[in-house]
Amino acid sequence: MIIAAALVVAAVAIAVATYLLSSLIAKWVLIKGHDSPESVKVRDFIYKYFQLAQSKEIEKIEEFFGPRFTKFGDSPPYDRRDFGRALMLEQLHFASLSDYDFKIENLNIEVMDNVALATFLLEVTGMIIDDYSFRGTSVNNKSRVTIVLQKDKKDQWKMVHQHLSKLDG
């Protein structure tokens, strides 16, 4: 009888521990491959970049781009944007977003010396406000994202290229 009770208590303890552990794991951002210090820096860099649209610190966007930055966006114009055009359009986009939120899923970071490649799904919600008409358009987009980063001379990660492809639905 005592052994049976001990087994039940042990089974419950294992079940609770398993539940708690799986809950914690589900909340962690998975960096496939290895959790090197550089991978963590890249992950933090990416999150800080998208948080600029929440904080409205659009003057800091330039700090995330390398001098030869290019971008293919998921909204018009669909041409390859050079540093100046990409910066202007990103500042305009971040400034016109209200109630902005984002979610990054399936983050995969590969670091190769002073170059890193990050791929993930980006879900963006909010409202784009037209300052002239005071009208808003709801935004609920999900895009595939690829970001290429390179360390600069100060050993800081900078974006070299960003490519977004909007998913249907």
Protein backbone atom coordinates (compact mmCIF):
# COMPACT_ATOMS: atom_id res chain seq x y z
CA MET A 1 0.00 0.00 0.00
CA ILE A 2 2.81 2.41 0.90
CA ILE A 3 4.66 1.55 -2.32
CA ALA A 4 1.51 2.18 -4.39
CA ALA A 5 1.02 5.58 -2.73
CA ALA A 6 4.68 6.47 -3.32
CA LEU A 7 4.33 5.52 -6.99
CA VAL A 8 1.25 7.73 -7.35
CA VAL A 9 3.04 10.66 -5.70
CA ALA A 10 6.08 10.12 -7.95
CA ALA A 11 3.88 9.92 -11.06
CA VAL A 12 2.11 13.17 -10.14
CA ALA A 13 5.44 14.90 -9.44
CA ILE A 14 6.80 13.76 -12.81
CA ALA A 15 3.63 14.93 -14.59
CA VAL A 16 3.79 18.36 -12.92
CA ALA A 17 7.51 18.73 -13.67
CA THR A 18 6.96 17.70 -17.30
CA TYR A 19 4.12 20.21 -17.68
CA LEU A 20 6.16 23.05 -16.16
CA LEU A 21 9.21 22.23 -18.26
CA SER A 22 7.19 22.03 -21.49
CA SER A 23 5.57 25.39 -20.66
CA LEU A 24 8.97 26.99 -20.21
CA ILE A 25 10.35 25.46 -23.38
CA ALA A 26 7.35 26.68 -25.37
CA LYS A 27 8.10 30.27 -24.29
CA TRP A 28 11.77 30.19 -25.27
CA VAL A 29 12.86 31.44 -28.67
CA LEU A 30 14.42 28.50 -30.43
CA ILE A 31 17.71 29.25 -32.08
CA LYS A 32 18.35 26.22 -34.20
CA GLY A 33 21.87 24.94 -34.29
CA HIS A 34 23.75 26.21 -31.29
CA ASP A 35 23.14 28.90 -28.70
CA SER A 36 26.47 30.60 -29.19
CA PRO A 37 26.93 34.05 -27.67
CA GLU A 38 26.95 35.51 -31.20
CA SER A 39 23.64 33.81 -32.07
CA VAL A 40 22.11 35.35 -28.96
CA LYS A 41 23.48 38.79 -29.95
CA VAL A 42 21.93 38.40 -33.42
CA ARG A 43 18.59 37.35 -31.92
CA ASP A 44 18.59 40.35 -29.58
CA PHE A 45 19.58 42.65 -32.45
CA ILE A 46 16.60 41.46 -34.54
CA TYR A 47 14.13 41.91 -31.68
CA LYS A 48 15.46 45.40 -30.90
CA TYR A 49 15.06 46.36 -34.54
CA PHE A 50 11.39 45.44 -34.71
CA GLN A 51 10.76 47.01 -31.30
CA LEU A 52 11.67 50.39 -32.84
CA ALA A 53 8.22 50.45 -34.47
CA GLN A 54 6.67 50.10 -31.00
CA SER A 55 8.84 52.74 -29.33
CA LYS A 56 8.70 55.09 -32.35
CA GLU A 57 12.46 55.66 -32.12
CA ILE A 58 12.68 55.85 -35.89
CA GLU A 59 15.87 57.91 -35.75
CA LYS A 60 17.65 54.75 -34.53
CA ILE A 61 16.75 52.64 -37.60
CA GLU A 62 19.90 53.81 -39.38
CA GLU A 63 22.05 52.32 -36.58
CA PHE A 64 20.87 48.83 -37.58
CA PHE A 65 21.87 49.13 -41.25
CA GLY A 66 25.31 48.62 -42.72
CA PRO A 67 26.45 51.29 -45.22
CA ARG A 68 25.62 49.06 -48.23
CA PHE A 69 22.26 47.83 -46.88
CA THR A 70 19.66 46.63 -49.40
CA LYS A 71 16.10 45.42 -48.97
CA PHE A 72 13.36 43.60 -50.81
CA GLY A 73 10.13 44.45 -48.99
CA ASP A 74 6.77 42.73 -48.87
CA SER A 75 4.88 45.88 -49.90
CA PRO A 76 5.25 48.25 -52.86
CA PRO A 77 7.62 49.29 -54.29
CA TYR A 78 8.92 45.79 -54.92
CA ASP A 79 12.27 46.89 -56.35
CA ARG A 80 15.54 46.38 -54.54
CA ARG A 81 15.94 49.34 -52.22
CA ASP A 82 19.37 50.79 -51.53
CA PHE A 83 20.40 52.23 -48.16
CA GLY A 84 18.84 55.69 -48.60
CA ARG A 85 15.54 54.55 -50.06
CA ALA A 86 15.20 51.64 -47.63
CA LEU A 87 15.88 53.94 -44.66
CA MET A 88 13.33 56.52 -45.80
CA LEU A 89 10.62 53.93 -46.45
CA GLU A 90 11.31 52.09 -43.18
CA GLN A 91 11.12 55.32 -41.18
CA LEU A 92 7.85 56.23 -42.90
CA HIS A 93 6.44 52.74 -42.31
CA PHE A 94 7.43 52.56 -38.62
CA ALA A 95 6.18 56.11 -37.97
CA SER A 96 2.76 55.46 -39.52
CA LEU A 97 2.10 52.26 -37.55
CA SER A 98 -0.16 52.51 -34.53
CA ASP A 99 -0.91 49.76 -31.99
CA TYR A 100 1.99 47.85 -33.55
CA ASP A 101 2.87 44.41 -32.31
CA PHE A 102 5.02 41.67 -33.78
CA LYS A 103 5.72 38.01 -33.22
CA ILE A 104 8.75 36.10 -34.46
CA GLU A 105 8.39 32.36 -35.03
CA ASN A 106 10.81 29.62 -36.11
CA LEU A 107 13.88 31.80 -35.73
CA ASN A 108 16.91 30.10 -37.25
CA ILE A 109 20.29 31.79 -36.91
CA GLU A 110 23.51 30.60 -38.50
CA VAL A 111 26.68 32.45 -37.56
CA MET A 112 29.72 32.03 -39.81
CA ASP A 113 32.61 34.07 -38.44
CA ASN A 114 31.63 37.72 -39.02
CA VAL A 115 28.51 36.98 -41.08
CA ALA A 116 25.14 35.75 -39.84
CA LEU A 117 22.01 34.56 -41.60
CA ALA A 118 18.65 34.73 -39.84
CA THR A 119 15.41 33.29 -41.20
CA PHE A 120 12.03 33.39 -39.50
CA LEU A 121 8.32 34.04 -39.81
CA LEU A 122 7.21 37.53 -38.81
CA GLU A 123 3.64 38.29 -37.82
CA VAL A 124 2.78 42.00 -37.66
CA THR A 125 -0.44 43.55 -36.38
CA GLY A 126 -1.52 47.15 -35.96
CA MET A 127 -2.99 50.04 -37.85
CA ILE A 128 -1.40 52.16 -40.57
CA ILE A 129 -2.54 55.75 -40.10
CA ASP A 130 -2.79 58.19 -42.99
CA ASP A 131 -1.88 61.53 -41.41
CA TYR A 132 -3.60 63.49 -44.20
CA SER A 133 -7.00 61.84 -44.08
CA PHE A 134 -6.82 60.59 -40.46
CA ARG A 135 -7.97 57.20 -41.67
CA GLY A 136 -6.49 53.92 -40.61
CA THR A 137 -6.04 50.58 -42.30
CA SER A 138 -5.80 47.46 -40.19
CA VAL A 139 -2.64 45.41 -40.64
CA ASN A 140 -2.38 41.70 -39.96
CA ASN A 141 0.47 40.31 -42.05
CA LYS A 142 2.60 37.22 -41.86
CA SER A 143 5.85 37.19 -43.84
CA ARG A 144 8.87 35.00 -44.38
CA VAL A 145 11.97 36.99 -43.51
CA THR A 146 15.64 36.55 -44.34
CA ILE A 147 18.20 38.91 -42.83
CA VAL A 148 21.90 38.86 -43.64
CA LEU A 149 24.11 40.52 -41.03
CA GLN A 150 27.79 41.36 -40.90
CA LYS A 151 30.00 42.66 -38.12
CA ASP A 152 31.36 46.14 -38.67
CA LYS A 153 34.82 47.43 -37.72
CA LYS A 154 33.57 48.01 -34.16
CA ASP A 155 32.54 44.34 -33.88
CA GLN A 156 28.82 45.28 -33.95
CA TRP A 157 26.22 43.41 -36.00
CA LYS A 158 24.66 45.40 -38.85
CA MET A 159 22.07 44.37 -41.43
CA VAL A 160 23.48 43.97 -44.91
CA HIS A 161 20.27 42.74 -46.54
CA GLN A 162 16.67 42.13 -45.57
CA HIS A 163 14.12 40.22 -47.64
CA LEU A 164 10.45 39.87 -46.71
CA SER A 165 7.88 37.78 -48.60
CA LYS A 166 4.27 38.14 -47.49
CA LEU A 167 2.36 34.89 -47.01
CA ASP A 168 -1.18 34.59 -48.36
CA GLY A 169 -4.04 34.51 -45.89
